[in-house]
Amino acid sequence: MRRSSVLAVTALVMAAFAANSVLARLALRATAIDAVTFTGVRLAAGAVVLAVVVRARGGRLGGSWASAAALFAYAAAFSAAYLSLAAGTGALLLFGAVQLTMVGWGRVQGERLSALQAVGVATALAGLAVLVAPGVQAPEPAPALLMVGAGAAWGLYSLRGRGETDPTGATAGNFARAVPLAVGLALATAASGRALVPDPAGVGWAVLSGAVTSGLGYVAWYAVLPSLRAASAATVQLSVPVLAALGGVVLLGEPVTARLTLASAVTLGGIALVVRSRSRQVARADSATPSAALPASAAANRSAEPGP
């Protein structure tokens, strides 16, 4: 793929990932759709588009029920959190939780942090602490915790997806398996007496989020990933929370607060230290491994999972 095409596709993918936050907030704030219905429609739309793409390529649906459960947990908590959170705040909490979950799992598995990575983790945690510290501009605790939970679930989903030889097929299969889980949540919600509101406008935004900015976004990301260096692929995703915040300002009229600006700079700066250092470690390890033993995008796939 030509460099200009790589840059253009990468930019579009980052915008798509950021748009997921904006679309969710738009639907849940400006229409009558409920979070459970939004989740189900988003997952179903993504499943249909991804299945069509995989079948058109002559591939097969992969994935697993465990990964599908993590995907469903992310999507459900994500939607519920955006009933209250601003787009930029939610995206920053989500992205920070994803990265810190993956770093934390690495530690559990015995991976050692370099001094630079340790500083990065501490800095990122400090930034998130600034964001949620009590005060007039602080997000409400419950939705903030839900978004952190969504990030942890996506981090787990990304960890389970490492090493997939056909990431698009795996993602398609996981979306398909997540749909009945969403149906189960909808039935349980209805049985509890809470109303499900399939507002037409809200359903439209959910379809757009599932089919285009999620489903096709992942297809495009997996297509361009082999052409990106591991460090570049990991670092470029730092733009997603910033783009989500800008989308919230431009499209939703959300304010740019000093707290969000400071927290974003500190959190993303800390994560940048971690991912750049980790990518250099992966590159050094891969340089010592015979190329025939690795798929073309192995190094990138280990350090640059798709954004939520």
C-alpha atoms as a PDB file:
ATOM      1  CA  MET A   1       0.000   0.000   0.000  1.00  0.00           C
ATOM      2  CA  ARG A   2       1.335   3.434  -0.943  1.00  0.00           C
ATOM      3  CA  ARG A   3       2.399   5.716   1.900  1.00  0.00           C
ATOM      4  CA  SER A   4      -0.217   8.334   1.040  1.00  0.00           C
ATOM      5  CA  SER A   5      -2.915   5.670   1.097  1.00  0.00           C
ATOM      6  CA  VAL A   6      -1.664   4.320   4.423  1.00  0.00           C
ATOM      7  CA  LEU A   7      -1.804   7.772   5.982  1.00  0.00           C
ATOM      8  CA  ALA A   8      -5.274   8.465   4.596  1.00  0.00           C
ATOM      9  CA  VAL A   9      -6.742   5.135   5.734  1.00  0.00           C
ATOM     10  CA  THR A  10      -5.111   5.434   9.160  1.00  0.00           C
ATOM     11  CA  ALA A  11      -6.569   8.913   9.640  1.00  0.00           C
ATOM     12  CA  LEU A  12     -10.026   7.684   8.643  1.00  0.00           C
ATOM     13  CA  VAL A  13      -9.795   4.732  11.027  1.00  0.00           C
ATOM     14  CA  MET A  14      -8.792   6.915  13.972  1.00  0.00           C
ATOM     15  CA  ALA A  15     -11.692   9.245  13.162  1.00  0.00           C
ATOM     16  CA  ALA A  16     -14.022   6.231  13.037  1.00  0.00           C
ATOM     17  CA  PHE A  17     -12.876   4.934  16.422  1.00  0.00           C
ATOM     18  CA  ALA A  18     -13.329   8.404  17.937  1.00  0.00           C
ATOM     19  CA  ALA A  19     -16.755   8.679  16.299  1.00  0.00           C
ATOM     20  CA  ASN A  20     -17.980   5.702  18.325  1.00  0.00           C
ATOM     21  CA  SER A  21     -17.890   7.871  21.452  1.00  0.00           C
ATOM     22  CA  VAL A  22     -19.539  10.814  19.716  1.00  0.00           C
ATOM     23  CA  LEU A  23     -22.287   8.687  18.147  1.00  0.00           C
ATOM     24  CA  ALA A  24     -23.078   6.944  21.426  1.00  0.00           C
ATOM     25  CA  ARG A  25     -23.273  10.221  23.309  1.00  0.00           C
ATOM     26  CA  LEU A  26     -25.342  11.811  20.529  1.00  0.00           C
ATOM     27  CA  ALA A  27     -27.844   8.956  20.443  1.00  0.00           C
ATOM     28  CA  LEU A  28     -28.191   8.601  24.204  1.00  0.00           C
ATOM     29  CA  ARG A  29     -28.429  12.340  24.871  1.00  0.00           C
ATOM     30  CA  ALA A  30     -30.383  13.643  21.903  1.00  0.00           C
ATOM     31  CA  THR A  31     -32.788  10.748  21.228  1.00  0.00           C
ATOM     32  CA  ALA A  32     -35.036   8.580  23.366  1.00  0.00           C
ATOM     33  CA  ILE A  33     -33.165   5.308  22.752  1.00  0.00           C
ATOM     34  CA  ASP A  34     -32.067   3.450  25.876  1.00  0.00           C
ATOM     35  CA  ALA A  35     -28.552   2.115  26.457  1.00  0.00           C
ATOM     36  CA  VAL A  36     -29.573  -1.569  26.216  1.00  0.00           C
ATOM     37  CA  THR A  37     -31.236  -1.125  22.829  1.00  0.00           C
ATOM     38  CA  PHE A  38     -28.316   0.941  21.557  1.00  0.00           C
ATOM     39  CA  THR A  39     -25.916  -1.823  22.583  1.00  0.00           C
ATOM     40  CA  GLY A  40     -27.922  -4.563  20.877  1.00  0.00           C
ATOM     41  CA  VAL A  41     -28.395  -2.662  17.633  1.00  0.00           C
ATOM     42  CA  ARG A  42     -24.742  -1.650  17.498  1.00  0.00           C
ATOM     43  CA  LEU A  43     -23.537  -5.222  17.977  1.00  0.00           C
ATOM     44  CA  ALA A  44     -26.055  -6.645  15.495  1.00  0.00           C
ATOM     45  CA  ALA A  45     -25.150  -4.093  12.827  1.00  0.00           C
ATOM     46  CA  GLY A  46     -21.463  -4.772  13.318  1.00  0.00           C
ATOM     47  CA  ALA A  47     -22.043  -8.530  13.150  1.00  0.00           C
ATOM     48  CA  VAL A  48     -23.916  -8.283   9.845  1.00  0.00           C
ATOM     49  CA  VAL A  49     -21.329  -6.070   8.136  1.00  0.00           C
ATOM     50  CA  LEU A  50     -18.359  -8.088   9.373  1.00  0.00           C
ATOM     51  CA  ALA A  51     -19.999 -11.388   8.351  1.00  0.00           C
ATOM     52  CA  VAL A  52     -20.635 -10.018   4.838  1.00  0.00           C
ATOM     53  CA  VAL A  53     -17.008  -8.910   4.527  1.00  0.00           C
ATOM     54  CA  VAL A  54     -15.647 -12.248   5.744  1.00  0.00           C
ATOM     55  CA  ARG A  55     -17.939 -14.276   3.473  1.00  0.00           C
ATOM     56  CA  ALA A  56     -17.091 -12.073   0.484  1.00  0.00           C
ATOM     57  CA  ARG A  57     -13.429 -12.875   1.066  1.00  0.00           C
ATOM     58  CA  GLY A  58     -14.142 -16.583   1.289  1.00  0.00           C
ATOM     59  CA  GLY A  59     -13.184 -16.648   4.962  1.00  0.00           C
ATOM     60  CA  ARG A  60     -14.777 -18.157   8.056  1.00  0.00           C
ATOM     61  CA  LEU A  61     -16.094 -16.730  11.293  1.00  0.00           C
ATOM     62  CA  GLY A  62     -13.668 -17.328  14.157  1.00  0.00           C
ATOM     63  CA  GLY A  63     -13.464 -16.035  17.696  1.00  0.00           C
ATOM     64  CA  SER A  64     -14.745 -17.618  20.903  1.00  0.00           C
ATOM     65  CA  TRP A  65     -17.496 -17.233  23.460  1.00  0.00           C
ATOM     66  CA  ALA A  66     -15.046 -15.919  26.051  1.00  0.00           C
ATOM     67  CA  SER A  67     -13.917 -13.135  23.718  1.00  0.00           C
ATOM     68  CA  ALA A  68     -17.521 -12.431  22.762  1.00  0.00           C
ATOM     69  CA  ALA A  69     -18.419 -12.056  26.440  1.00  0.00           C
ATOM     70  CA  ALA A  70     -15.620  -9.507  26.884  1.00  0.00           C
ATOM     71  CA  LEU A  71     -16.801  -7.654  23.756  1.00  0.00           C
ATOM     72  CA  PHE A  72     -20.384  -7.625  25.046  1.00  0.00           C
ATOM     73  CA  ALA A  73     -19.298  -6.400  28.494  1.00  0.00           C
ATOM     74  CA  TYR A  74     -17.388  -3.551  26.865  1.00  0.00           C
ATOM     75  CA  ALA A  75     -20.284  -2.543  24.619  1.00  0.00           C
ATOM     76  CA  ALA A  76     -22.918  -2.676  27.378  1.00  0.00           C
ATOM     77  CA  ALA A  77     -20.861  -0.693  29.906  1.00  0.00           C
ATOM     78  CA  PHE A  78     -19.798   1.773  27.193  1.00  0.00           C
ATOM     79  CA  SER A  79     -23.407   2.578  26.299  1.00  0.00           C
ATOM     80  CA  ALA A  80     -24.562   2.849  29.902  1.00  0.00           C
ATOM     81  CA  ALA A  81     -21.696   5.192  30.767  1.00  0.00           C
ATOM     82  CA  TYR A  82     -22.513   7.534  27.893  1.00  0.00           C
ATOM     83  CA  LEU A  83     -25.927   8.240  29.337  1.00  0.00           C
ATOM     84  CA  SER A  84     -24.089  10.782  31.500  1.00  0.00           C
ATOM     85  CA  LEU A  85     -20.454  11.208  30.429  1.00  0.00           C
ATOM     86  CA  ALA A  86     -19.285  13.762  27.891  1.00  0.00           C
ATOM     87  CA  ALA A  87     -17.724  12.270  24.759  1.00  0.00           C
ATOM     88  CA  GLY A  88     -14.177  13.450  25.515  1.00  0.00           C
ATOM     89  CA  THR A  89     -14.267  12.446  29.173  1.00  0.00           C
ATOM     90  CA  GLY A  90     -15.615   9.005  28.340  1.00  0.00           C
ATOM     91  CA  ALA A  91     -13.075   8.410  25.583  1.00  0.00           C
ATOM     92  CA  LEU A  92     -10.162   9.357  27.844  1.00  0.00           C
ATOM     93  CA  LEU A  93     -11.347   7.092  30.670  1.00  0.00           C
ATOM     94  CA  LEU A  94     -11.912   4.266  28.205  1.00  0.00           C
ATOM     95  CA  PHE A  95      -8.563   4.586  26.454  1.00  0.00           C
ATOM     96  CA  GLY A  96      -6.645   4.940  29.702  1.00  0.00           C
ATOM     97  CA  ALA A  97      -8.345   1.896  31.215  1.00  0.00           C
ATOM     98  CA  VAL A  98      -7.647  -0.200  28.106  1.00  0.00           C
ATOM     99  CA  GLN A  99      -3.939   0.569  28.093  1.00  0.00           C
ATOM    100  CA  LEU A 100      -3.482   0.203  31.837  1.00  0.00           C
ATOM    101  CA  THR A 101      -5.358  -3.113  31.833  1.00  0.00           C
ATOM    102  CA  MET A 102      -3.020  -4.481  29.188  1.00  0.00           C
ATOM    103  CA  VAL A 103       0.069  -3.240  31.016  1.00  0.00           C
ATOM    104  CA  GLY A 104      -1.261  -4.677  34.275  1.00  0.00           C
ATOM    105  CA  TRP A 105      -1.876  -8.065  32.684  1.00  0.00           C
ATOM    106  CA  GLY A 106       1.656  -8.053  31.363  1.00  0.00           C
ATOM    107  CA  ARG A 107       2.918  -7.530  34.896  1.00  0.00           C
ATOM    108  CA  VAL A 108       0.779 -10.424  36.143  1.00  0.00           C
ATOM    109  CA  GLN A 109       2.356 -12.583  33.438  1.00  0.00           C
ATOM    110  CA  GLY A 110       5.809 -11.638  34.619  1.00  0.00           C
ATOM    111  CA  GLU A 111       6.690  -8.875  32.164  1.00  0.00           C
ATOM    112  CA  ARG A 112       9.038  -6.323  33.710  1.00  0.00           C
ATOM    113  CA  LEU A 113       8.479  -2.614  33.220  1.00  0.00           C
ATOM    114  CA  SER A 114      11.428  -0.509  32.202  1.00  0.00           C
ATOM    115  CA  ALA A 115      12.049   2.667  34.180  1.00  0.00           C
ATOM    116  CA  LEU A 116      10.501   4.691  31.345  1.00  0.00           C
ATOM    117  CA  GLN A 117       7.416   2.475  31.267  1.00  0.00           C
ATOM    118  CA  ALA A 118       7.015   2.730  35.049  1.00  0.00           C
ATOM    119  CA  VAL A 119       7.128   6.513  34.806  1.00  0.00           C
ATOM    120  CA  GLY A 120       4.589   6.365  31.974  1.00  0.00           C
ATOM    121  CA  VAL A 121       2.161   4.221  33.956  1.00  0.00           C
ATOM    122  CA  ALA A 122       2.436   6.460  37.017  1.00  0.00           C
ATOM    123  CA  THR A 123       1.897   9.537  34.847  1.00  0.00           C
ATOM    124  CA  ALA A 124      -1.157   8.047  33.133  1.00  0.00           C
ATOM    125  CA  LEU A 125      -2.691   7.103  36.485  1.00  0.00           C
ATOM    126  CA  ALA A 126      -2.057  10.633  37.740  1.00  0.00           C
ATOM    127  CA  GLY A 127      -3.841  12.046  34.704  1.00  0.00           C
ATOM    128  CA  LEU A 128      -6.888   9.853  35.262  1.00  0.00           C
ATOM    129  CA  ALA A 129      -6.847  10.827  38.946  1.00  0.00           C
ATOM    130  CA  VAL A 130      -6.945  14.489  37.912  1.00  0.00           C
ATOM    131  CA  LEU A 131      -9.949  13.750  35.691  1.00  0.00           C
ATOM    132  CA  VAL A 132     -12.057  12.018  38.354  1.00  0.00           C
ATOM    133  CA  ALA A 133     -10.924  13.965  41.434  1.00  0.00           C
ATOM    134  CA  PRO A 134     -13.849  15.535  43.326  1.00  0.00           C
ATOM    135  CA  GLY A 135     -14.824  18.966  42.110  1.00  0.00           C
ATOM    136  CA  VAL A 136     -17.356  20.906  40.071  1.00  0.00           C
ATOM    137  CA  GLN A 137     -16.055  19.529  36.751  1.00  0.00           C
ATOM    138  CA  ALA A 138     -15.627  15.930  37.890  1.00  0.00           C
ATOM    139  CA  PRO A 139     -17.682  13.244  36.097  1.00  0.00           C
ATOM    140  CA  GLU A 140     -20.274  11.367  38.121  1.00  0.00           C
ATOM    141  CA  PRO A 141     -18.675   8.367  39.868  1.00  0.00           C
ATOM    142  CA  ALA A 142     -21.052   5.648  38.616  1.00  0.00           C
ATOM    143  CA  PRO A 143     -20.739   6.323  34.864  1.00  0.00           C
ATOM    144  CA  ALA A 144     -17.002   6.932  35.272  1.00  0.00           C
ATOM    145  CA  LEU A 145     -16.637   3.495  36.879  1.00  0.00           C
ATOM    146  CA  LEU A 146     -18.750   1.962  34.123  1.00  0.00           C
ATOM    147  CA  MET A 147     -16.436   3.416  31.487  1.00  0.00           C
ATOM    148  CA  VAL A 148     -13.366   2.169  33.319  1.00  0.00           C
ATOM    149  CA  GLY A 149     -15.037  -1.237  33.372  1.00  0.00           C
ATOM    150  CA  ALA A 150     -15.680  -0.953  29.639  1.00  0.00           C
ATOM    151  CA  GLY A 151     -12.004  -0.192  29.114  1.00  0.00           C
ATOM    152  CA  ALA A 152     -10.939  -3.162  31.217  1.00  0.00           C
ATOM    153  CA  ALA A 153     -13.259  -5.431  29.207  1.00  0.00           C
ATOM    154  CA  TRP A 154     -11.843  -4.139  25.924  1.00  0.00           C
ATOM    155  CA  GLY A 155      -8.323  -4.599  27.244  1.00  0.00           C
ATOM    156  CA  LEU A 156      -9.157  -8.226  28.015  1.00  0.00           C
ATOM    157  CA  TYR A 157     -10.726  -8.609  24.568  1.00  0.00           C
ATOM    158  CA  SER A 158      -7.588  -7.216  22.934  1.00  0.00           C
ATOM    159  CA  LEU A 159      -5.336  -9.504  24.967  1.00  0.00           C
ATOM    160  CA  ARG A 160      -7.374 -12.537  23.932  1.00  0.00           C
ATOM    161  CA  GLY A 161      -7.101 -11.478  20.291  1.00  0.00           C
ATOM    162  CA  ARG A 162      -3.313 -11.347  20.200  1.00  0.00           C
ATOM    163  CA  GLY A 163      -1.808 -13.809  17.777  1.00  0.00           C
ATOM    164  CA  GLU A 164      -4.986 -14.249  15.691  1.00  0.00           C
ATOM    165  CA  THR A 165      -4.001 -15.209  12.147  1.00  0.00           C
ATOM    166  CA  ASP A 166      -7.325 -13.886  10.813  1.00  0.00           C
ATOM    167  CA  PRO A 167      -8.306 -10.955  13.034  1.00  0.00           C
ATOM    168  CA  THR A 168     -11.214  -9.901  10.811  1.00  0.00           C
ATOM    169  CA  GLY A 169     -12.740 -13.390  10.922  1.00  0.00           C
ATOM    170  CA  ALA A 170     -12.236 -13.553  14.679  1.00  0.00           C
ATOM    171  CA  THR A 171     -13.833 -10.143  15.176  1.00  0.00           C
ATOM    172  CA  ALA A 172     -16.783 -11.119  12.982  1.00  0.00           C
ATOM    173  CA  GLY A 173     -17.343 -14.306  14.968  1.00  0.00           C
ATOM    174  CA  ASN A 174     -17.107 -12.464  18.271  1.00  0.00           C
ATOM    175  CA  PHE A 175     -19.657  -9.855  17.169  1.00  0.00           C
ATOM    176  CA  ALA A 176     -22.012 -12.634  16.044  1.00  0.00           C
ATOM    177  CA  ARG A 177     -21.719 -14.413  19.401  1.00  0.00           C
ATOM    178  CA  ALA A 178     -22.220 -11.140  21.304  1.00  0.00           C
ATOM    179  CA  VAL A 179     -25.636 -10.561  19.702  1.00  0.00           C
ATOM    180  CA  PRO A 180     -27.501 -13.272  21.683  1.00  0.00           C
ATOM    181  CA  LEU A 181     -25.872 -11.943  24.847  1.00  0.00           C
ATOM    182  CA  ALA A 182     -27.311  -8.521  24.017  1.00  0.00           C
ATOM    183  CA  VAL A 183     -30.716 -10.106  23.363  1.00  0.00           C
ATOM    184  CA  GLY A 184     -30.503 -11.775  26.770  1.00  0.00           C
ATOM    185  CA  LEU A 185     -29.782  -8.416  28.406  1.00  0.00           C
ATOM    186  CA  ALA A 186     -32.747  -6.862  26.601  1.00  0.00           C
ATOM    187  CA  LEU A 187     -35.078  -9.652  27.769  1.00  0.00           C
ATOM    188  CA  ALA A 188     -33.836  -9.326  31.350  1.00  0.00           C
ATOM    189  CA  THR A 189     -34.302  -5.554  31.191  1.00  0.00           C
ATOM    190  CA  ALA A 190     -37.864  -5.906  29.897  1.00  0.00           C
ATOM    191  CA  ALA A 191     -38.654  -8.533  32.551  1.00  0.00           C
ATOM    192  CA  SER A 192     -37.492  -6.130  35.255  1.00  0.00           C
ATOM    193  CA  GLY A 193     -40.084  -3.592  34.134  1.00  0.00           C
ATOM    194  CA  ARG A 194     -37.670  -1.117  32.546  1.00  0.00           C
ATOM    195  CA  ALA A 195     -38.769   0.169  29.169  1.00  0.00           C
ATOM    196  CA  LEU A 196     -36.827  -0.493  25.977  1.00  0.00           C
ATOM    197  CA  VAL A 197     -37.140   2.447  23.585  1.00  0.00           C
ATOM    198  CA  PRO A 198     -36.137   1.677  19.971  1.00  0.00           C
ATOM    199  CA  ASP A 199     -36.233   5.338  18.973  1.00  0.00           C
ATOM    200  CA  PRO A 200     -35.791   5.498  15.149  1.00  0.00           C
ATOM    201  CA  ALA A 201     -33.160   8.234  15.225  1.00  0.00           C
ATOM    202  CA  GLY A 202     -31.264   6.510  18.016  1.00  0.00           C
ATOM    203  CA  VAL A 203     -31.400   3.192  16.161  1.00  0.00           C
ATOM    204  CA  GLY A 204     -29.977   4.937  13.111  1.00  0.00           C
ATOM    205  CA  TRP A 205     -27.002   6.247  15.097  1.00  0.00           C
ATOM    206  CA  ALA A 206     -26.494   2.784  16.623  1.00  0.00           C
ATOM    207  CA  VAL A 207     -26.491   1.171  13.162  1.00  0.00           C
ATOM    208  CA  LEU A 208     -23.963   3.733  11.953  1.00  0.00           C
ATOM    209  CA  SER A 209     -21.758   3.050  14.975  1.00  0.00           C
ATOM    210  CA  GLY A 210     -21.958  -0.723  14.614  1.00  0.00           C
ATOM    211  CA  ALA A 211     -21.781  -1.083  10.850  1.00  0.00           C
ATOM    212  CA  VAL A 212     -19.432   1.730   9.851  1.00  0.00           C
ATOM    213  CA  THR A 213     -17.319   3.168  12.671  1.00  0.00           C
ATOM    214  CA  SER A 214     -16.969  -0.229  14.394  1.00  0.00           C
ATOM    215  CA  GLY A 215     -17.333  -2.980  11.778  1.00  0.00           C
ATOM    216  CA  LEU A 216     -15.797  -1.341   8.729  1.00  0.00           C
ATOM    217  CA  GLY A 217     -13.395   0.549  10.995  1.00  0.00           C
ATOM    218  CA  TYR A 218     -11.901  -2.735  12.213  1.00  0.00           C
ATOM    219  CA  VAL A 219     -11.694  -4.106   8.662  1.00  0.00           C
ATOM    220  CA  ALA A 220      -9.801  -0.999   7.520  1.00  0.00           C
ATOM    221  CA  TRP A 221      -7.503  -1.095  10.569  1.00  0.00           C
ATOM    222  CA  TYR A 222      -6.531  -4.720  10.000  1.00  0.00           C
ATOM    223  CA  ALA A 223      -5.909  -3.917   6.332  1.00  0.00           C
ATOM    224  CA  VAL A 224      -3.553  -1.006   7.024  1.00  0.00           C
ATOM    225  CA  LEU A 225      -1.857  -2.452  10.120  1.00  0.00           C
ATOM    226  CA  PRO A 226       0.796  -4.496   8.260  1.00  0.00           C
ATOM    227  CA  SER A 227       1.991  -1.277   6.595  1.00  0.00           C
ATOM    228  CA  LEU A 228       2.538   0.519   9.910  1.00  0.00           C
ATOM    229  CA  ARG A 229       5.478   0.126  12.234  1.00  0.00           C
ATOM    230  CA  ALA A 230       4.512  -1.235  15.628  1.00  0.00           C
ATOM    231  CA  ALA A 231       5.491   2.037  17.300  1.00  0.00           C
ATOM    232  CA  SER A 232       3.523   4.109  14.817  1.00  0.00           C
ATOM    233  CA  ALA A 233       0.459   1.875  15.053  1.00  0.00           C
ATOM    234  CA  ALA A 234       0.421   2.082  18.834  1.00  0.00           C
ATOM    235  CA  THR A 235       1.167   5.791  19.048  1.00  0.00           C
ATOM    236  CA  VAL A 236      -1.339   6.936  16.431  1.00  0.00           C
ATOM    237  CA  GLN A 237      -4.168   5.624  18.604  1.00  0.00           C
ATOM    238  CA  LEU A 238      -3.356   8.328  21.138  1.00  0.00           C
ATOM    239  CA  SER A 239      -5.257  10.647  18.803  1.00  0.00           C
ATOM    240  CA  VAL A 240      -8.583   8.883  19.438  1.00  0.00           C
ATOM    241  CA  PRO A 241      -9.513  10.530  22.790  1.00  0.00           C
ATOM    242  CA  VAL A 242      -8.460  13.923  21.406  1.00  0.00           C
ATOM    243  CA  LEU A 243     -10.584  13.463  18.276  1.00  0.00           C
ATOM    244  CA  ALA A 244     -13.525  12.307  20.406  1.00  0.00           C
ATOM    245  CA  ALA A 245     -13.234  15.421  22.571  1.00  0.00           C
ATOM    246  CA  LEU A 246     -13.104  17.635  19.481  1.00  0.00           C
ATOM    247  CA  GLY A 247     -16.146  15.840  18.067  1.00  0.00           C
ATOM    248  CA  GLY A 248     -18.007  16.439  21.307  1.00  0.00           C
ATOM    249  CA  VAL A 249     -17.181  20.140  21.146  1.00  0.00           C
ATOM    250  CA  VAL A 250     -18.073  20.621  17.479  1.00  0.00           C
ATOM    251  CA  LEU A 251     -21.068  18.296  17.142  1.00  0.00           C
ATOM    252  CA  LEU A 252     -22.512  18.195  20.660  1.00  0.00           C
ATOM    253  CA  GLY A 253     -21.561  21.601  22.018  1.00  0.00           C
ATOM    254  CA  GLU A 254     -19.658  20.110  24.955  1.00  0.00           C
ATOM    255  CA  PRO A 255     -17.331  22.512  26.770  1.00  0.00           C
ATOM    256  CA  VAL A 256     -13.539  22.283  26.742  1.00  0.00           C
ATOM    257  CA  THR A 257     -12.684  22.302  30.446  1.00  0.00           C
ATOM    258  CA  ALA A 258      -9.304  22.953  31.998  1.00  0.00           C
ATOM    259  CA  ARG A 259      -9.609  19.664  33.906  1.00  0.00           C
ATOM    260  CA  LEU A 260     -10.163  17.604  30.731  1.00  0.00           C
ATOM    261  CA  THR A 261      -7.353  19.391  28.904  1.00  0.00           C
ATOM    262  CA  LEU A 262      -4.865  18.808  31.715  1.00  0.00           C
ATOM    263  CA  ALA A 263      -5.969  15.225  32.321  1.00  0.00           C
ATOM    264  CA  SER A 264      -5.735  14.426  28.598  1.00  0.00           C
ATOM    265  CA  ALA A 265      -2.233  15.844  28.298  1.00  0.00           C
ATOM    266  CA  VAL A 266      -0.962  13.991  31.366  1.00  0.00           C
ATOM    267  CA  THR A 267      -2.722  10.683  30.678  1.00  0.00           C
ATOM    268  CA  LEU A 268      -1.889  10.474  26.986  1.00  0.00           C
ATOM    269  CA  GLY A 269       1.661  11.618  27.646  1.00  0.00           C
ATOM    270  CA  GLY A 270       2.107   8.800  30.141  1.00  0.00           C
ATOM    271  CA  ILE A 271       0.613   6.213  27.798  1.00  0.00           C
ATOM    272  CA  ALA A 272       2.839   7.479  24.985  1.00  0.00           C
ATOM    273  CA  LEU A 273       5.899   6.723  27.120  1.00  0.00           C
ATOM    274  CA  VAL A 274       4.643   3.191  27.726  1.00  0.00           C
ATOM    275  CA  VAL A 275       3.675   2.295  24.164  1.00  0.00           C
ATOM    276  CA  ARG A 276       6.791   3.771  22.579  1.00  0.00           C
ATOM    277  CA  SER A 277       9.059   1.936  24.998  1.00  0.00           C
ATOM    278  CA  ARG A 278       7.085  -1.296  24.610  1.00  0.00           C
ATOM    279  CA  SER A 279       7.177  -1.033  20.818  1.00  0.00           C
ATOM    280  CA  ARG A 280      10.955  -0.635  20.859  1.00  0.00           C
ATOM    281  CA  GLN A 281      11.213  -3.767  22.996  1.00  0.00           C
ATOM    282  CA  VAL A 282       9.023  -5.702  20.542  1.00  0.00           C
ATOM    283  CA  ALA A 283      11.058  -4.451  17.598  1.00  0.00           C
ATOM    284  CA  ARG A 284      14.300  -5.565  19.250  1.00  0.00           C
ATOM    285  CA  ALA A 285      12.809  -8.981  20.013  1.00  0.00           C
ATOM    286  CA  ASP A 286      11.510  -9.402  16.478  1.00  0.00           C
ATOM    287  CA  SER A 287      14.865  -8.430  14.986  1.00  0.00           C
ATOM    288  CA  ALA A 288      16.331 -11.457  16.718  1.00  0.00           C
ATOM    289  CA  THR A 289      13.594 -13.794  15.408  1.00  0.00           C
ATOM    290  CA  PRO A 290      13.732 -15.412  11.934  1.00  0.00           C
ATOM    291  CA  SER A 291      11.194 -13.568   9.773  1.00  0.00           C
ATOM    292  CA  ALA A 292       9.725 -16.816   8.474  1.00  0.00           C
ATOM    293  CA  ALA A 293       8.518 -17.624  11.982  1.00  0.00           C
ATOM    294  CA  LEU A 294       6.311 -14.532  12.187  1.00  0.00           C
ATOM    295  CA  PRO A 295       3.275 -13.406  10.173  1.00  0.00           C
ATOM    296  CA  ALA A 296       3.745 -10.102   8.360  1.00  0.00           C
ATOM    297  CA  SER A 297       1.974  -8.042  11.014  1.00  0.00           C
ATOM    298  CA  ALA A 298       3.003  -9.952  14.133  1.00  0.00           C
ATOM    299  CA  ALA A 299       4.974  -7.149  15.749  1.00  0.00           C
ATOM    300  CA  ALA A 300       2.223  -4.606  15.119  1.00  0.00           C
ATOM    301  CA  ASN A 301      -0.516  -6.963  16.304  1.00  0.00           C
ATOM    302  CA  ARG A 302       1.251  -7.496  19.613  1.00  0.00           C
ATOM    303  CA  SER A 303       1.441  -3.788  20.442  1.00  0.00           C
ATOM    304  CA  ALA A 304      -1.344  -2.098  18.482  1.00  0.00           C
ATOM    305  CA  GLU A 305      -4.768  -3.644  18.988  1.00  0.00           C
ATOM    306  CA  PRO A 306      -7.722  -1.827  17.390  1.00  0.00           C
ATOM    307  CA  GLY A 307      -9.310   0.996  19.324  1.00  0.00           C
ATOM    308  CA  PRO A 308     -12.717   0.451  20.958  1.00  0.00           C
END
